[in-house]
Protein backbone atom coordinates (compact mmCIF):
# COMPACT_ATOMS: atom_id res chain seq x y z
CA UNK A 1 29.99 -35.46 -13.95
CA UNK A 2 28.34 -32.22 -12.81
CA UNK A 3 24.63 -32.35 -12.27
CA UNK A 4 22.57 -29.72 -14.10
CA UNK A 5 19.80 -28.11 -12.10
CA UNK A 6 16.59 -27.80 -14.05
CA UNK A 7 14.58 -24.81 -12.97
CA UNK A 8 10.84 -25.15 -12.77
CA UNK A 9 9.15 -23.02 -15.37
CA UNK A 10 5.63 -21.77 -15.29
CA UNK A 11 3.65 -20.87 -18.37
CA UNK A 12 1.37 -17.95 -17.51
CA UNK A 13 -1.39 -16.98 -19.90
CA UNK A 14 -2.68 -13.39 -19.89
CA UNK A 15 -6.09 -13.27 -21.58
CA UNK A 16 -6.70 -10.15 -23.68
CA UNK A 17 -9.61 -8.89 -21.54
CA UNK A 18 -7.49 -9.19 -18.37
CA UNK A 19 -4.42 -7.61 -20.01
CA UNK A 20 -6.28 -4.30 -20.31
CA UNK A 21 -6.31 -4.06 -16.51
CA UNK A 22 -8.75 -2.16 -14.33
CA UNK A 23 -8.43 1.26 -12.73
CA UNK A 24 -8.87 1.46 -8.97
CA UNK A 25 -8.46 4.48 -6.72
CA UNK A 26 -9.33 2.73 -3.45
CA UNK A 27 -8.44 -0.64 -1.97
CA UNK A 28 -10.31 -2.10 0.99
CA UNK A 29 -8.45 -4.83 2.84
CA UNK A 30 -10.04 -7.24 5.28
CA UNK A 31 -8.91 -10.54 6.74
CA UNK A 32 -9.91 -13.64 8.64
CA UNK A 33 -7.66 -16.16 10.37
CA UNK A 34 -7.04 -17.91 7.05
CA UNK A 35 -7.21 -15.31 4.28
CA UNK A 36 -6.80 -11.70 3.23
CA UNK A 37 -9.38 -10.13 0.91
CA UNK A 38 -8.46 -7.06 -1.14
CA UNK A 39 -11.34 -5.28 -2.88
CA UNK A 40 -10.24 -2.85 -5.58
CA UNK A 41 -12.82 -0.07 -5.89
CA UNK A 42 -13.34 2.68 -8.44
CA UNK A 43 -14.87 5.86 -7.07
CA UNK A 44 -16.25 8.40 -9.52
CA UNK A 45 -16.79 12.12 -8.78
CA UNK A 46 -20.26 13.03 -7.52
CA UNK A 47 -21.45 9.43 -7.51
CA UNK A 48 -22.25 8.34 -3.95
CA UNK A 49 -22.04 4.63 -4.81
CA UNK A 50 -18.66 3.09 -5.63
CA UNK A 51 -18.23 -0.32 -7.26
CA UNK A 52 -15.80 -3.09 -6.46
CA UNK A 53 -14.05 -3.78 -9.77
CA UNK A 54 -11.91 -6.72 -8.63
CA UNK A 55 -11.47 -8.90 -5.56
CA UNK A 56 -8.27 -10.77 -4.76
CA UNK A 57 -8.20 -13.41 -2.02
CA UNK A 58 -4.80 -14.41 -0.61
CA UNK A 59 -3.45 -16.67 2.11
CA UNK A 60 -1.63 -14.77 4.89
CA UNK A 61 1.67 -16.11 3.52
CA UNK A 62 0.92 -14.79 0.02
CA UNK A 63 -0.23 -11.46 1.48
CA UNK A 64 3.14 -11.12 3.20
CA UNK A 65 4.96 -11.99 -0.05
CA UNK A 66 2.85 -9.42 -1.89
CA UNK A 67 3.71 -6.78 0.73
CA UNK A 68 7.43 -7.50 0.31
CA UNK A 69 7.17 -7.48 -3.50
CA UNK A 70 5.28 -4.15 -3.51
CA UNK A 71 7.82 -2.63 -1.12
CA UNK A 72 10.72 -3.85 -3.26
CA UNK A 73 9.14 -2.50 -6.45
CA UNK A 74 8.28 0.84 -4.84
CA UNK A 75 11.90 1.24 -3.71
CA UNK A 76 13.10 0.50 -7.25
CA UNK A 77 10.55 2.96 -8.66
CA UNK A 78 11.63 5.73 -6.27
CA UNK A 79 15.29 5.10 -7.05
CA UNK A 80 14.54 5.59 -10.73
CA UNK A 81 11.87 8.33 -10.64
CA UNK A 82 12.16 9.99 -7.22
CA UNK A 83 10.19 9.86 -4.00
CA UNK A 84 6.47 9.23 -4.20
CA UNK A 85 4.88 11.96 -2.09
CA UNK A 86 1.90 11.14 0.08
CA UNK A 87 -0.35 14.15 0.67
CA UNK A 88 -2.12 14.47 4.01
CA UNK A 89 -5.42 12.74 3.39
CA UNK A 90 -8.24 11.69 5.67
CA UNK A 91 -8.49 7.99 6.52
CA UNK A 92 -11.44 7.68 4.13
CA UNK A 93 -11.35 9.57 0.81
CA UNK A 94 -13.74 12.42 0.12
CA UNK A 95 -16.41 11.05 -2.20
CA UNK A 96 -17.12 14.30 -4.05
CA UNK A 97 -13.59 14.88 -5.44
CA UNK A 98 -14.15 18.64 -4.87
CA UNK A 99 -15.86 19.03 -8.23
CA UNK A 100 -19.20 20.68 -9.02
CA UNK A 101 -22.24 18.38 -9.25
CA UNK A 102 -22.96 16.91 -12.66
CA UNK A 103 -25.94 18.30 -14.53
CA UNK A 104 -27.95 16.65 -17.28
């Protein structure tokens, strides 16, 4: 009699407030010997102070898995939609977004 393999299933709940997502245009990555910390930041034009909108803490093993998963998904994306171009940008983004100052 052949043995049937039962796959482990995970039930993942996505709360409504989390399902909306957050917008981030900067990620700051730091690490220690035991974890990686990714801060997702939203910078707004002409506002000198940016806020961290989410923080994700990963083990080094999970960080490596995330890197592979992102790479795999980016390759699939580019195969379907074309190459994602990376403009020449400074190592730290310009905070003023090249827009005129806001006036009240």
